[in-house]
Amino acid sequence: MIDPHVHCRDGRQAYKDTIEHVFAVADSQGVKKIFDMPNTDPPIMHERDVTNRLSLVRKKRRGDYFLWLGVTAEDEQLAEAVHCYNQYREVIGLKLYAGHSTGNLGVCDVSLQRKIYASLTKLHYLGVLAVHCEKEALMHAWDPAQPISHARARPEEAEVASLEDQLMLVRQTGFTGILHIPHISSSVAVELVDKARHEMRITCGLTPHHYLWDETMLSRPDGLLYKMNPPLRTMGCVAKIRQQVLENKIDWIETDHAAHPIGEKLFPPYASGFPSLYLYKDFVTNVLPAAGLTQEQIEKVTSGNIFTTFEKKLK
């Protein structure tokens, strides 16, 4: 099985988690390969970052470790990112943060997002562009004393509006790579992705936490532990997404594994993220079958669809 979305924090935040430890967790959960996200400190944006990152991976695991490269609206950086994608098998794709999350890679202006799509099209990039979809203009302040306010501050509408922006930009620029929507949490967004499949190459991934829990977890005494971006949604939305999984509208399961010290969750900076890789084995072997997924469906969302999408890199 493959986890296409984990956050290893080697670098200045190695105290949170490391490549070595994430592999240990993955092994315990039956996951063979991991795809590491670029919003580290320092971020993974240039060729030197790629080579530094790969030097941290034990030789016997090099065939199981892949990484996403963060993108900006700078022409030189985009050209270098595409070069790295073409040059390094381990660079699995590119990542655009259309809204701020952990780190400082947010490109929130739609005109700058358009520039990224246009540049990647001009550079003949045909790989995967994963986009964190949350529209800043529709997000608000939240109150740490009331963790449930985080779900209201980053509403479903912000995710849907940002996704609509990305679909528009694909159409406007003629981008022919694969648009991937990670950690999709809105049932409306899932339907938009499914509808767009007839006109573009597009995929979406779902986390165990967005399947298992709704926003009421944020109202618990330990609610800050369940703060993540995008946030947990309403019970009604979660019920719809569970049905959409059964209807094969989710391409793959991705954990968005993001470990933080408990002090950073319960106190400033009130970090967003959950270490969901620890949930993987139970989720795949117990939760999904109990929900009615067949073994064939489970194989597709845990490996088959991922291999198909990244065939040139994984074969």
Protein backbone atom coordinates (compact mmCIF):
# COMPACT_ATOMS: atom_id res chain seq x y z
CA MET A 1 0.00 0.00 0.00
CA ILE A 2 1.04 3.60 -0.62
CA ASP A 3 0.48 6.77 1.39
CA PRO A 4 0.72 9.65 -1.12
CA HIS A 5 0.56 12.39 1.51
CA VAL A 6 2.75 12.48 4.63
CA HIS A 7 4.63 15.27 6.40
CA CYS A 8 8.13 14.35 7.50
CA ARG A 9 9.72 17.31 9.29
CA ASP A 10 13.47 16.71 8.95
CA GLY A 11 15.29 20.02 9.18
CA ARG A 12 14.58 22.69 11.76
CA GLN A 13 11.44 20.81 12.86
CA ALA A 14 12.89 17.32 13.13
CA TYR A 15 11.65 17.22 16.72
CA LYS A 16 8.13 16.82 15.27
CA ASP A 17 8.84 13.80 13.07
CA THR A 18 11.46 12.42 10.69
CA ILE A 19 11.61 10.37 7.52
CA GLU A 20 13.06 7.49 9.49
CA HIS A 21 10.25 7.53 12.04
CA VAL A 22 7.49 7.96 9.47
CA PHE A 23 8.82 4.87 7.70
CA ALA A 24 8.69 2.99 11.02
CA VAL A 25 5.04 3.99 11.47
CA ALA A 26 4.30 3.12 7.84
CA ASP A 27 5.85 -0.33 8.28
CA SER A 28 3.66 -0.95 11.33
CA GLN A 29 0.59 -0.01 9.28
CA GLY A 30 1.37 -2.10 6.21
CA VAL A 31 2.29 0.91 4.06
CA LYS A 32 5.27 0.37 1.75
CA LYS A 33 5.79 3.71 0.02
CA ILE A 34 5.36 7.31 1.19
CA PHE A 35 5.13 10.65 -0.65
CA ASP A 36 6.53 13.50 1.47
CA MET A 37 5.10 17.05 1.34
CA PRO A 38 7.27 20.16 0.80
CA ASN A 39 6.03 22.57 3.51
CA THR A 40 8.95 21.78 5.76
CA ASP A 41 11.38 24.19 7.40
CA PRO A 42 13.23 24.94 5.21
CA PRO A 43 10.71 24.18 2.43
CA ILE A 44 11.47 21.83 -0.47
CA MET A 45 11.51 24.13 -3.51
CA HIS A 46 14.84 23.79 -5.33
CA GLU A 47 17.15 21.11 -6.63
CA ARG A 48 19.48 21.56 -3.67
CA ASP A 49 16.52 20.85 -1.37
CA VAL A 50 15.76 17.65 -3.27
CA THR A 51 19.33 16.35 -3.03
CA ASN A 52 19.55 17.30 0.66
CA ARG A 53 16.27 15.53 1.33
CA LEU A 54 17.24 12.36 -0.50
CA SER A 55 20.51 12.22 1.43
CA LEU A 56 18.43 11.68 4.59
CA VAL A 57 16.81 8.49 3.26
CA ARG A 58 18.48 5.19 4.03
CA LYS A 59 19.73 3.52 0.87
CA LYS A 60 17.47 0.47 1.22
CA ARG A 61 14.39 2.74 1.41
CA ARG A 62 15.25 5.02 -1.52
CA GLY A 63 12.89 3.06 -3.75
CA ASP A 64 10.03 3.69 -1.30
CA TYR A 65 10.50 7.41 -0.67
CA PHE A 66 9.08 10.10 -2.96
CA LEU A 67 8.57 13.81 -2.46
CA TRP A 68 6.45 16.66 -3.72
CA LEU A 69 8.17 19.90 -4.71
CA GLY A 70 6.55 23.18 -3.66
CA VAL A 71 5.89 25.80 -6.33
CA THR A 72 5.74 29.59 -6.37
CA ALA A 73 4.77 32.04 -9.09
CA GLU A 74 8.42 32.77 -9.93
CA ASP A 75 9.35 31.69 -13.46
CA GLU A 76 12.85 30.51 -12.52
CA GLN A 77 11.58 28.44 -9.60
CA LEU A 78 8.87 26.82 -11.72
CA ALA A 79 11.40 25.94 -14.43
CA GLU A 80 13.68 24.44 -11.79
CA ALA A 81 10.77 22.49 -10.30
CA VAL A 82 9.88 20.98 -13.67
CA HIS A 83 13.55 20.18 -14.24
CA CYS A 84 13.66 18.34 -10.91
CA TYR A 85 10.50 16.42 -11.79
CA ASN A 86 12.09 15.31 -15.07
CA GLN A 87 15.51 14.63 -13.56
CA TYR A 88 14.67 12.82 -10.32
CA ARG A 89 12.48 9.73 -10.15
CA GLU A 90 11.81 10.53 -6.50
CA VAL A 91 10.15 13.87 -7.28
CA ILE A 92 6.62 12.55 -7.60
CA GLY A 93 4.87 15.82 -8.47
CA LEU A 94 4.40 19.51 -7.65
CA LYS A 95 2.39 21.08 -4.82
CA LEU A 96 0.57 24.42 -4.88
CA TYR A 97 -0.87 25.88 -1.68
CA ALA A 98 -3.79 28.01 -2.91
CA GLY A 99 -4.39 29.00 0.72
CA HIS A 100 -2.06 29.29 3.68
CA SER A 101 -1.68 26.21 5.85
CA THR A 102 1.39 25.02 7.76
CA GLY A 103 4.48 26.84 6.49
CA ASN A 104 4.80 29.82 4.14
CA LEU A 105 4.17 28.36 0.69
CA GLY A 106 0.73 29.92 0.18
CA VAL A 107 0.04 31.48 -3.24
CA CYS A 108 -3.35 32.99 -2.52
CA ASP A 109 -3.82 35.46 -5.38
CA VAL A 110 -5.75 33.85 -8.25
CA SER A 111 -3.80 35.85 -10.82
CA LEU A 112 -0.57 34.34 -9.48
CA GLN A 113 -2.15 30.89 -9.48
CA ARG A 114 -3.06 31.46 -13.14
CA LYS A 115 0.57 32.34 -13.84
CA ILE A 116 1.65 29.02 -12.33
CA TYR A 117 -0.73 27.02 -14.51
CA ALA A 118 0.27 28.98 -17.61
CA SER A 119 3.98 28.53 -16.90
CA LEU A 120 3.62 24.80 -16.27
CA THR A 121 1.69 24.49 -19.53
CA LYS A 122 4.42 26.38 -21.40
CA LEU A 123 7.03 24.12 -19.80
CA HIS A 124 5.07 21.05 -21.04
CA TYR A 125 4.62 19.72 -17.51
CA LEU A 126 2.39 16.65 -17.70
CA GLY A 127 2.80 15.36 -14.15
CA VAL A 128 0.59 15.84 -11.11
CA LEU A 129 -0.09 19.27 -9.62
CA ALA A 130 -1.55 18.79 -6.14
CA VAL A 131 -3.42 21.87 -4.90
CA HIS A 132 -4.38 22.63 -1.32
CA CYS A 133 -7.77 24.26 -1.89
CA GLU A 134 -8.86 26.86 0.66
CA LYS A 135 -9.74 30.39 -0.48
CA GLU A 136 -8.30 33.00 1.87
CA ALA A 137 -11.01 35.60 1.09
CA LEU A 138 -13.62 33.29 2.61
CA MET A 139 -11.69 32.43 5.77
CA HIS A 140 -11.93 34.24 9.11
CA ALA A 141 -10.28 34.46 12.51
CA TRP A 142 -10.92 31.74 15.08
CA ASP A 143 -10.84 31.56 18.87
CA PRO A 144 -8.51 28.95 20.46
CA ALA A 145 -10.78 28.96 23.53
CA GLN A 146 -13.49 27.55 21.25
CA PRO A 147 -11.82 25.07 18.87
CA ILE A 148 -15.10 24.52 17.00
CA SER A 149 -14.68 28.08 15.72
CA HIS A 150 -11.82 26.80 13.54
CA ALA A 151 -14.33 24.79 11.49
CA ARG A 152 -16.41 27.93 11.01
CA ALA A 153 -13.35 30.04 10.20
CA ARG A 154 -12.33 27.76 7.31
CA PRO A 155 -15.79 26.85 5.97
CA GLU A 156 -16.70 24.35 3.29
CA GLU A 157 -17.42 27.29 0.98
CA ALA A 158 -13.74 28.28 1.07
CA GLU A 159 -12.70 24.83 -0.14
CA VAL A 160 -15.35 24.74 -2.87
CA ALA A 161 -14.55 28.26 -4.12
CA SER A 162 -10.83 27.49 -4.31
CA LEU A 163 -11.52 24.28 -6.20
CA GLU A 164 -13.72 26.21 -8.62
CA ASP A 165 -10.78 28.58 -9.16
CA GLN A 166 -8.48 25.66 -10.02
CA LEU A 167 -10.96 24.16 -12.47
CA MET A 168 -11.32 27.56 -14.13
CA LEU A 169 -7.55 27.97 -14.40
CA VAL A 170 -7.10 24.54 -15.96
CA ARG A 171 -9.66 25.49 -18.61
CA GLN A 172 -8.22 28.96 -19.21
CA THR A 173 -4.59 27.89 -19.54
CA GLY A 174 -5.05 24.55 -21.25
CA PHE A 175 -3.09 22.78 -18.51
CA THR A 176 -2.83 19.11 -19.49
CA GLY A 177 -1.13 17.73 -16.41
CA ILE A 178 -3.10 15.95 -13.70
CA LEU A 179 -4.83 18.19 -11.17
CA HIS A 180 -5.01 16.47 -7.77
CA ILE A 181 -7.15 17.76 -4.90
CA PRO A 182 -5.65 16.44 -1.65
CA HIS A 183 -7.44 15.91 1.67
CA ILE A 184 -10.80 16.72 0.10
CA SER A 185 -13.29 17.34 2.90
CA SER A 186 -16.35 18.77 1.17
CA SER A 187 -18.94 16.51 -0.43
CA VAL A 188 -19.77 19.38 -2.80
CA ALA A 189 -16.12 19.51 -3.85
CA VAL A 190 -16.13 15.76 -4.49
CA GLU A 191 -19.06 16.17 -6.88
CA LEU A 192 -17.26 19.00 -8.69
CA VAL A 193 -14.21 16.81 -9.16
CA ASP A 194 -16.30 13.92 -10.41
CA LYS A 195 -18.13 16.15 -12.88
CA ALA A 196 -14.84 17.55 -14.22
CA ARG A 197 -13.40 14.13 -15.07
CA HIS A 198 -14.90 14.20 -18.58
CA GLU A 199 -12.92 17.32 -19.55
CA MET A 200 -9.63 17.12 -17.67
CA ARG A 201 -7.30 14.77 -15.86
CA ILE A 202 -8.24 15.15 -12.22
CA THR A 203 -8.09 13.10 -9.03
CA CYS A 204 -8.89 13.59 -5.35
CA GLY A 205 -7.76 12.03 -2.09
CA LEU A 206 -9.50 11.52 1.25
CA THR A 207 -7.95 11.24 4.70
CA PRO A 208 -9.05 8.77 7.37
CA HIS A 209 -9.82 11.65 9.74
CA HIS A 210 -12.15 13.39 7.31
CA TYR A 211 -13.98 10.07 6.85
CA LEU A 212 -14.11 9.02 10.49
CA TRP A 213 -14.89 12.23 12.37
CA ASP A 214 -17.10 15.29 12.12
CA GLU A 215 -16.67 18.75 13.58
CA THR A 216 -18.17 17.80 16.94
CA MET A 217 -14.72 16.41 17.84
CA LEU A 218 -13.61 20.04 18.10
CA SER A 219 -16.13 20.58 20.90
CA ARG A 220 -14.49 17.99 23.16
CA PRO A 221 -12.25 19.11 26.05
CA ASP A 222 -9.29 18.01 23.89
CA GLY A 223 -10.79 19.57 20.77
CA LEU A 224 -7.59 21.38 19.79
CA LEU A 225 -6.05 17.99 19.02
CA TYR A 226 -8.54 17.68 16.15
CA LYS A 227 -7.67 21.02 14.55
CA MET A 228 -6.51 20.53 10.95
CA ASN A 229 -6.60 22.22 7.55
CA PRO A 230 -9.09 21.82 6.00
CA PRO A 231 -11.10 21.29 9.19
CA LEU A 232 -13.45 18.50 10.08
CA ARG A 233 -16.88 19.04 8.52
CA THR A 234 -20.50 18.65 9.61
CA MET A 235 -22.00 15.25 10.27
CA GLY A 236 -24.15 15.61 7.14
CA CYS A 237 -21.14 16.34 4.97
CA VAL A 238 -19.22 13.38 6.39
CA ALA A 239 -22.17 11.06 5.73
CA LYS A 240 -22.25 12.18 2.09
CA ILE A 241 -18.50 11.66 1.67
CA ARG A 242 -18.79 8.13 3.06
CA GLN A 243 -21.36 7.40 0.37
CA GLN A 244 -19.13 8.98 -2.27
CA VAL A 245 -16.34 6.59 -1.29
CA LEU A 246 -18.70 3.69 -1.97
CA GLU A 247 -19.56 5.27 -5.32
CA ASN A 248 -15.86 5.30 -6.34
CA LYS A 249 -15.70 9.09 -6.44
CA ILE A 250 -12.57 9.17 -4.27
CA ASP A 251 -9.39 8.14 -6.09
CA TRP A 252 -7.21 7.27 -3.15
CA ILE A 253 -6.73 7.31 0.60
CA GLU A 254 -4.00 9.66 1.81
CA THR A 255 -3.36 10.20 5.49
CA ASP A 256 -1.98 13.77 5.51
CA HIS A 257 0.06 12.43 8.44
CA ALA A 258 1.19 15.52 10.38
CA ALA A 259 2.67 14.94 13.81
CA HIS A 260 3.14 17.81 16.28
CA PRO A 261 4.11 17.83 19.97
CA ILE A 262 1.00 17.94 22.12
CA GLY A 263 2.15 21.26 23.55
CA GLU A 264 2.08 22.82 20.08
CA LYS A 265 -1.46 21.53 19.61
CA LEU A 266 -2.93 22.66 22.93
CA PHE A 267 -0.96 25.91 23.24
CA PRO A 268 0.42 28.48 20.78
CA PRO A 269 0.98 28.07 17.88
CA TYR A 270 -2.07 25.71 18.04
CA ALA A 271 -0.64 23.64 15.18
CA SER A 272 -2.96 22.12 12.59
CA GLY A 273 -2.65 18.46 11.66
CA PHE A 274 -3.23 14.93 12.88
CA PRO A 275 -0.87 11.88 12.76
CA SER A 276 -3.35 9.80 10.77
CA LEU A 277 -0.85 7.27 9.47
CA TYR A 278 -1.36 5.56 12.84
CA LEU A 279 -4.99 4.98 11.82
CA TYR A 280 -4.20 3.39 8.46
CA LYS A 281 -4.26 -0.36 9.17
CA ASP A 282 -7.48 -0.31 11.16
CA PHE A 283 -9.09 2.04 8.64
CA VAL A 284 -8.26 -0.17 5.67
CA THR A 285 -8.77 -3.60 7.24
CA ASN A 286 -11.79 -2.86 9.42
CA VAL A 287 -13.53 0.46 8.76
CA LEU A 288 -13.72 0.36 4.95
CA PRO A 289 -14.89 -3.28 4.71
CA ALA A 290 -17.49 -2.63 7.42
CA ALA A 291 -18.73 0.32 5.36
CA GLY A 292 -19.35 -1.98 2.42
CA LEU A 293 -16.26 -1.52 0.24
CA THR A 294 -15.16 -4.63 -1.61
CA GLN A 295 -11.56 -5.82 -1.56
CA GLU A 296 -11.24 -4.68 -5.15
CA GLN A 297 -12.35 -1.17 -4.21
CA ILE A 298 -9.97 -1.10 -1.25
CA GLU A 299 -7.07 -2.23 -3.44
CA LYS A 300 -7.78 0.59 -5.87
CA VAL A 301 -7.88 3.39 -3.28
CA THR A 302 -4.81 2.14 -1.40
CA SER A 303 -2.56 1.27 -4.34
CA GLY A 304 -4.11 0.56 -7.75
CA ASN A 305 -5.32 4.06 -8.57
CA ILE A 306 -2.11 5.55 -7.19
CA PHE A 307 0.07 3.30 -9.36
CA THR A 308 -2.01 4.25 -12.38
CA THR A 309 -1.64 7.98 -11.71
CA PHE A 310 2.11 7.84 -11.06
CA GLU A 311 2.94 4.92 -13.34
CA LYS A 312 6.03 6.49 -14.93
CA LYS A 313 7.56 7.20 -11.52
CA LEU A 314 6.59 4.01 -9.71
CA LYS A 315 7.22 1.34 -12.35
